[in-house]
């Protein structure tokens, strides 16, 4: 059975939402405050979507591999690749079910973890894919009441409790973990705080 592309109808307008763009810029600034990247680094953007986060981080690294299971989102990223100011590789796959034989200096992600069922297994995979001293900078929703998503986009978690996500990262082998609020997603009915989790292999 062909997998459902939950973002098929959203991908064309995804990067045109000014609140979303500002939110990702705030997250990117938070990442850049916490993690030192250099132009010889190759990092992975997990759940890269249309490239909003990659575009912000690209000037500070040498290469980004964007991984997303949504064909339509990857097509938008391909169309936006001139905005990504470093080498860009785009892979269409579900990393929670597939493996790739690559090593990275860092992994970044924005608002994707809640779409993954088994967080510990995903973080263990991240740990294995990083070189020693490699970094994670993962951003997502704090625990919410389920009203953040107005339609089905394959959600497994209504955000995360701080202690839970830190413990998941510890179980996966990460150290020097830090978590704090980095941004707020503003919707007409409510505001949703967003955390940034950073750590080292």
C-alpha atoms as a PDB file:
ATOM      1  CA  UNK A   1       0.000   0.000   0.000  1.00  0.00           C
ATOM      2  CA  UNK A   2       1.388   3.390  -0.936  1.00  0.00           C
ATOM      3  CA  UNK A   3       2.080   5.537   2.112  1.00  0.00           C
ATOM      4  CA  UNK A   4      -0.055   8.629   2.611  1.00  0.00           C
ATOM      5  CA  UNK A   5       1.619  11.983   2.019  1.00  0.00           C
ATOM      6  CA  UNK A   6       0.021  13.975   4.832  1.00  0.00           C
ATOM      7  CA  UNK A   7       1.520  17.210   3.514  1.00  0.00           C
ATOM      8  CA  UNK A   8       0.475  16.854  -0.123  1.00  0.00           C
ATOM      9  CA  UNK A   9      -2.083  19.660   0.154  1.00  0.00           C
ATOM     10  CA  UNK A  10       0.050  21.868   2.418  1.00  0.00           C
ATOM     11  CA  UNK A  11       3.460  21.777   0.754  1.00  0.00           C
ATOM     12  CA  UNK A  12       2.832  24.487  -1.857  1.00  0.00           C
ATOM     13  CA  UNK A  13       1.824  27.084   0.750  1.00  0.00           C
ATOM     14  CA  UNK A  14       3.906  25.805   3.685  1.00  0.00           C
ATOM     15  CA  UNK A  15       6.712  28.348   3.298  1.00  0.00           C
ATOM     16  CA  UNK A  16       4.311  31.214   2.627  1.00  0.00           C
ATOM     17  CA  UNK A  17       2.957  31.299   6.181  1.00  0.00           C
ATOM     18  CA  UNK A  18       4.796  34.295   7.666  1.00  0.00           C
ATOM     19  CA  UNK A  19       4.193  33.174  11.270  1.00  0.00           C
ATOM     20  CA  UNK A  20       5.671  29.761  10.502  1.00  0.00           C
ATOM     21  CA  UNK A  21       8.685  31.326   8.775  1.00  0.00           C
ATOM     22  CA  UNK A  22       9.335  33.669  11.733  1.00  0.00           C
ATOM     23  CA  UNK A  23       8.953  30.783  14.161  1.00  0.00           C
ATOM     24  CA  UNK A  24      11.554  28.693  12.311  1.00  0.00           C
ATOM     25  CA  UNK A  25      13.902  31.695  12.130  1.00  0.00           C
ATOM     26  CA  UNK A  26      13.609  32.031  15.920  1.00  0.00           C
ATOM     27  CA  UNK A  27      14.328  28.315  16.342  1.00  0.00           C
ATOM     28  CA  UNK A  28      17.340  28.607  14.007  1.00  0.00           C
ATOM     29  CA  UNK A  29      18.709  31.531  16.015  1.00  0.00           C
ATOM     30  CA  UNK A  30      18.307  29.439  19.158  1.00  0.00           C
ATOM     31  CA  UNK A  31      20.225  26.583  17.541  1.00  0.00           C
ATOM     32  CA  UNK A  32      23.014  28.897  16.388  1.00  0.00           C
ATOM     33  CA  UNK A  33      23.284  30.306  19.923  1.00  0.00           C
ATOM     34  CA  UNK A  34      23.831  26.818  21.348  1.00  0.00           C
ATOM     35  CA  UNK A  35      25.796  24.967  18.651  1.00  0.00           C
ATOM     36  CA  UNK A  36      29.002  25.988  16.879  1.00  0.00           C
ATOM     37  CA  UNK A  37      28.970  24.932  13.238  1.00  0.00           C
ATOM     38  CA  UNK A  38      31.833  25.285  10.768  1.00  0.00           C
ATOM     39  CA  UNK A  39      31.971  25.280   6.978  1.00  0.00           C
ATOM     40  CA  UNK A  40      33.578  21.818   6.880  1.00  0.00           C
ATOM     41  CA  UNK A  41      30.595  20.204   8.613  1.00  0.00           C
ATOM     42  CA  UNK A  42      27.956  17.926   7.087  1.00  0.00           C
ATOM     43  CA  UNK A  43      24.687  17.960   9.007  1.00  0.00           C
ATOM     44  CA  UNK A  44      21.308  16.299   8.631  1.00  0.00           C
ATOM     45  CA  UNK A  45      17.991  18.141   8.732  1.00  0.00           C
ATOM     46  CA  UNK A  46      15.467  15.547   9.903  1.00  0.00           C
ATOM     47  CA  UNK A  47      11.993  16.327   8.593  1.00  0.00           C
ATOM     48  CA  UNK A  48      13.446  19.004   6.354  1.00  0.00           C
ATOM     49  CA  UNK A  49      10.114  19.827   4.722  1.00  0.00           C
ATOM     50  CA  UNK A  50      10.345  22.786   2.358  1.00  0.00           C
ATOM     51  CA  UNK A  51      13.735  23.750   3.790  1.00  0.00           C
ATOM     52  CA  UNK A  52      12.802  26.555   6.185  1.00  0.00           C
ATOM     53  CA  UNK A  53      15.327  25.446   8.826  1.00  0.00           C
ATOM     54  CA  UNK A  54      17.980  24.359   6.310  1.00  0.00           C
ATOM     55  CA  UNK A  55      17.899  27.794   4.675  1.00  0.00           C
ATOM     56  CA  UNK A  56      18.695  29.453   8.028  1.00  0.00           C
ATOM     57  CA  UNK A  57      21.502  27.058   9.050  1.00  0.00           C
ATOM     58  CA  UNK A  58      23.080  26.553   5.600  1.00  0.00           C
ATOM     59  CA  UNK A  59      25.448  29.592   5.646  1.00  0.00           C
ATOM     60  CA  UNK A  60      27.219  28.111   8.690  1.00  0.00           C
ATOM     61  CA  UNK A  61      27.892  24.565   7.381  1.00  0.00           C
ATOM     62  CA  UNK A  62      29.339  22.875   4.312  1.00  0.00           C
ATOM     63  CA  UNK A  63      26.582  20.406   3.460  1.00  0.00           C
ATOM     64  CA  UNK A  64      23.049  19.569   4.555  1.00  0.00           C
ATOM     65  CA  UNK A  65      21.303  16.288   3.890  1.00  0.00           C
ATOM     66  CA  UNK A  66      17.570  16.922   4.111  1.00  0.00           C
ATOM     67  CA  UNK A  67      15.514  13.854   4.993  1.00  0.00           C
ATOM     68  CA  UNK A  68      11.739  13.840   4.684  1.00  0.00           C
ATOM     69  CA  UNK A  69       9.197  11.128   3.887  1.00  0.00           C
ATOM     70  CA  UNK A  70       6.869  13.577   2.111  1.00  0.00           C
ATOM     71  CA  UNK A  71       7.349  13.550  -1.659  1.00  0.00           C
ATOM     72  CA  UNK A  72       5.543  16.895  -2.033  1.00  0.00           C
ATOM     73  CA  UNK A  73       7.663  18.604   0.636  1.00  0.00           C
ATOM     74  CA  UNK A  74      10.853  17.300  -0.981  1.00  0.00           C
ATOM     75  CA  UNK A  75       9.707  18.662  -4.332  1.00  0.00           C
ATOM     76  CA  UNK A  76       9.281  22.101  -2.749  1.00  0.00           C
ATOM     77  CA  UNK A  77      12.749  21.860  -1.177  1.00  0.00           C
ATOM     78  CA  UNK A  78      14.198  20.947  -4.561  1.00  0.00           C
ATOM     79  CA  UNK A  79      12.481  24.039  -6.010  1.00  0.00           C
ATOM     80  CA  UNK A  80      13.928  26.160  -3.169  1.00  0.00           C
ATOM     81  CA  UNK A  81      17.446  24.730  -3.282  1.00  0.00           C
ATOM     82  CA  UNK A  82      18.973  27.984  -4.569  1.00  0.00           C
ATOM     83  CA  UNK A  83      18.022  29.498  -1.195  1.00  0.00           C
ATOM     84  CA  UNK A  84      20.097  26.886   0.652  1.00  0.00           C
ATOM     85  CA  UNK A  85      23.575  28.410   0.837  1.00  0.00           C
ATOM     86  CA  UNK A  86      25.589  25.153   1.031  1.00  0.00           C
ATOM     87  CA  UNK A  87      25.707  21.768  -0.686  1.00  0.00           C
ATOM     88  CA  UNK A  88      22.284  20.138  -0.421  1.00  0.00           C
ATOM     89  CA  UNK A  89      21.274  16.499  -0.698  1.00  0.00           C
ATOM     90  CA  UNK A  90      17.589  15.528  -0.476  1.00  0.00           C
ATOM     91  CA  UNK A  91      16.530  12.017   0.570  1.00  0.00           C
ATOM     92  CA  UNK A  92      12.930  10.824   0.544  1.00  0.00           C
ATOM     93  CA  UNK A  93      12.556   8.176   3.216  1.00  0.00           C
ATOM     94  CA  UNK A  94      11.029   7.362   6.578  1.00  0.00           C
ATOM     95  CA  UNK A  95      14.061   7.299   8.843  1.00  0.00           C
ATOM     96  CA  UNK A  96      12.077   5.588  11.603  1.00  0.00           C
ATOM     97  CA  UNK A  97      11.748   2.564   9.302  1.00  0.00           C
ATOM     98  CA  UNK A  98      14.833   2.844   7.058  1.00  0.00           C
ATOM     99  CA  UNK A  99      18.586   3.118   7.579  1.00  0.00           C
ATOM    100  CA  UNK A 100      21.145   5.110   5.621  1.00  0.00           C
ATOM    101  CA  UNK A 101      24.864   4.518   5.708  1.00  0.00           C
ATOM    102  CA  UNK A 102      26.014   8.070   6.415  1.00  0.00           C
ATOM    103  CA  UNK A 103      27.772   9.871   9.247  1.00  0.00           C
ATOM    104  CA  UNK A 104      27.049  13.457  10.247  1.00  0.00           C
ATOM    105  CA  UNK A 105      28.640  16.189  12.363  1.00  0.00           C
ATOM    106  CA  UNK A 106      25.256  17.352  13.556  1.00  0.00           C
ATOM    107  CA  UNK A 107      21.519  16.718  13.328  1.00  0.00           C
ATOM    108  CA  UNK A 108      18.900  19.466  13.376  1.00  0.00           C
ATOM    109  CA  UNK A 109      15.124  19.153  13.362  1.00  0.00           C
ATOM    110  CA  UNK A 110      12.134  21.429  13.732  1.00  0.00           C
ATOM    111  CA  UNK A 111       8.621  20.253  14.579  1.00  0.00           C
ATOM    112  CA  UNK A 112       9.086  16.695  13.332  1.00  0.00           C
ATOM    113  CA  UNK A 113       9.574  14.509  16.427  1.00  0.00           C
ATOM    114  CA  UNK A 114       5.838  14.452  17.192  1.00  0.00           C
ATOM    115  CA  UNK A 115       5.317  12.652  13.879  1.00  0.00           C
ATOM    116  CA  UNK A 116       7.535   9.727  15.039  1.00  0.00           C
ATOM    117  CA  UNK A 117       6.067   6.939  17.169  1.00  0.00           C
ATOM    118  CA  UNK A 118       9.178   5.555  18.927  1.00  0.00           C
ATOM    119  CA  UNK A 119      11.302   8.516  20.042  1.00  0.00           C
ATOM    120  CA  UNK A 120      13.991   6.514  21.870  1.00  0.00           C
ATOM    121  CA  UNK A 121      14.642   4.333  18.820  1.00  0.00           C
ATOM    122  CA  UNK A 122      14.858   7.410  16.599  1.00  0.00           C
ATOM    123  CA  UNK A 123      17.317   9.100  18.975  1.00  0.00           C
ATOM    124  CA  UNK A 124      19.425   5.919  19.137  1.00  0.00           C
ATOM    125  CA  UNK A 125      19.549   6.011  15.351  1.00  0.00           C
ATOM    126  CA  UNK A 126      20.617   9.680  15.488  1.00  0.00           C
ATOM    127  CA  UNK A 127      23.356   8.736  17.976  1.00  0.00           C
ATOM    128  CA  UNK A 128      24.655   6.014  15.651  1.00  0.00           C
ATOM    129  CA  UNK A 129      24.653   8.374  12.670  1.00  0.00           C
ATOM    130  CA  UNK A 130      26.761  11.041  14.388  1.00  0.00           C
ATOM    131  CA  UNK A 131      30.522  11.175  14.541  1.00  0.00           C
ATOM    132  CA  UNK A 132      32.031  11.367  18.035  1.00  0.00           C
ATOM    133  CA  UNK A 133      31.399  14.859  19.408  1.00  0.00           C
ATOM    134  CA  UNK A 134      28.511  15.344  16.983  1.00  0.00           C
ATOM    135  CA  UNK A 135      25.574  17.468  18.068  1.00  0.00           C
ATOM    136  CA  UNK A 136      21.791  17.313  18.132  1.00  0.00           C
ATOM    137  CA  UNK A 137      19.581  20.404  18.064  1.00  0.00           C
ATOM    138  CA  UNK A 138      15.974  19.242  18.077  1.00  0.00           C
ATOM    139  CA  UNK A 139      12.981  21.520  18.388  1.00  0.00           C
ATOM    140  CA  UNK A 140       9.350  20.585  18.964  1.00  0.00           C
ATOM    141  CA  UNK A 141       6.195  21.357  20.920  1.00  0.00           C
ATOM    142  CA  UNK A 142       5.871  21.186  24.652  1.00  0.00           C
ATOM    143  CA  UNK A 143       2.953  18.988  25.763  1.00  0.00           C
ATOM    144  CA  UNK A 144      -0.254  20.406  24.274  1.00  0.00           C
ATOM    145  CA  UNK A 145      -3.954  19.558  24.321  1.00  0.00           C
ATOM    146  CA  UNK A 146      -4.149  18.163  20.797  1.00  0.00           C
ATOM    147  CA  UNK A 147      -5.443  21.354  19.182  1.00  0.00           C
ATOM    148  CA  UNK A 148      -2.166  22.372  17.512  1.00  0.00           C
ATOM    149  CA  UNK A 149      -2.999  20.319  14.412  1.00  0.00           C
ATOM    150  CA  UNK A 150      -6.333  21.077  12.804  1.00  0.00           C
ATOM    151  CA  UNK A 151      -6.043  18.148  10.363  1.00  0.00           C
ATOM    152  CA  UNK A 152      -4.471  14.692  10.280  1.00  0.00           C
ATOM    153  CA  UNK A 153      -0.757  14.941   9.527  1.00  0.00           C
ATOM    154  CA  UNK A 154       0.291  11.648  11.095  1.00  0.00           C
ATOM    155  CA  UNK A 155       0.707  12.812  14.697  1.00  0.00           C
ATOM    156  CA  UNK A 156       1.824  10.358  17.399  1.00  0.00           C
ATOM    157  CA  UNK A 157       2.487  12.805  20.264  1.00  0.00           C
ATOM    158  CA  UNK A 158       0.710  15.953  21.418  1.00  0.00           C
ATOM    159  CA  UNK A 159       4.037  17.559  22.198  1.00  0.00           C
ATOM    160  CA  UNK A 160       6.471  16.394  24.860  1.00  0.00           C
ATOM    161  CA  UNK A 161       7.160  16.812  28.532  1.00  0.00           C
ATOM    162  CA  UNK A 162      10.649  18.233  29.176  1.00  0.00           C
ATOM    163  CA  UNK A 163      11.725  15.418  31.482  1.00  0.00           C
ATOM    164  CA  UNK A 164      10.439  12.754  29.082  1.00  0.00           C
ATOM    165  CA  UNK A 165      12.330  14.018  26.032  1.00  0.00           C
ATOM    166  CA  UNK A 166      15.562  14.531  28.027  1.00  0.00           C
ATOM    167  CA  UNK A 167      15.337  10.991  29.410  1.00  0.00           C
ATOM    168  CA  UNK A 168      14.766   9.631  25.889  1.00  0.00           C
ATOM    169  CA  UNK A 169      17.954  11.377  24.737  1.00  0.00           C
ATOM    170  CA  UNK A 170      19.880  10.044  27.756  1.00  0.00           C
ATOM    171  CA  UNK A 171      18.717   6.496  27.001  1.00  0.00           C
ATOM    172  CA  UNK A 172      19.976   6.966  23.446  1.00  0.00           C
ATOM    173  CA  UNK A 173      23.437   7.844  24.788  1.00  0.00           C
ATOM    174  CA  UNK A 174      23.533  11.640  24.466  1.00  0.00           C
ATOM    175  CA  UNK A 175      25.327  13.806  27.035  1.00  0.00           C
ATOM    176  CA  UNK A 176      25.527  17.471  28.024  1.00  0.00           C
ATOM    177  CA  UNK A 177      21.816  17.761  27.365  1.00  0.00           C
ATOM    178  CA  UNK A 178      20.148  21.143  27.646  1.00  0.00           C
ATOM    179  CA  UNK A 179      16.505  22.019  27.072  1.00  0.00           C
ATOM    180  CA  UNK A 180      14.697  25.334  27.187  1.00  0.00           C
ATOM    181  CA  UNK A 181      11.877  27.201  25.499  1.00  0.00           C
ATOM    182  CA  UNK A 182      13.073  28.650  22.203  1.00  0.00           C
ATOM    183  CA  UNK A 183       9.916  29.969  20.514  1.00  0.00           C
ATOM    184  CA  UNK A 184       6.120  30.153  20.542  1.00  0.00           C
ATOM    185  CA  UNK A 185       3.853  29.028  17.711  1.00  0.00           C
ATOM    186  CA  UNK A 186       0.931  31.449  17.588  1.00  0.00           C
ATOM    187  CA  UNK A 187      -2.394  30.120  16.335  1.00  0.00           C
ATOM    188  CA  UNK A 188      -5.662  32.073  16.265  1.00  0.00           C
ATOM    189  CA  UNK A 189      -7.057  30.136  19.237  1.00  0.00           C
ATOM    190  CA  UNK A 190      -3.912  29.628  21.325  1.00  0.00           C
ATOM    191  CA  UNK A 191      -0.153  29.956  21.720  1.00  0.00           C
ATOM    192  CA  UNK A 192       2.010  26.831  21.796  1.00  0.00           C
ATOM    193  CA  UNK A 193       5.476  26.984  23.407  1.00  0.00           C
ATOM    194  CA  UNK A 194       8.331  25.206  21.618  1.00  0.00           C
ATOM    195  CA  UNK A 195      11.480  23.733  23.160  1.00  0.00           C
ATOM    196  CA  UNK A 196      15.006  23.267  21.878  1.00  0.00           C
ATOM    197  CA  UNK A 197      16.928  20.198  23.031  1.00  0.00           C
ATOM    198  CA  UNK A 198      20.684  20.171  22.431  1.00  0.00           C
ATOM    199  CA  UNK A 199      23.278  17.558  23.282  1.00  0.00           C
ATOM    200  CA  UNK A 200      26.500  15.789  22.287  1.00  0.00           C
ATOM    201  CA  UNK A 201      27.479  12.291  21.284  1.00  0.00           C
END
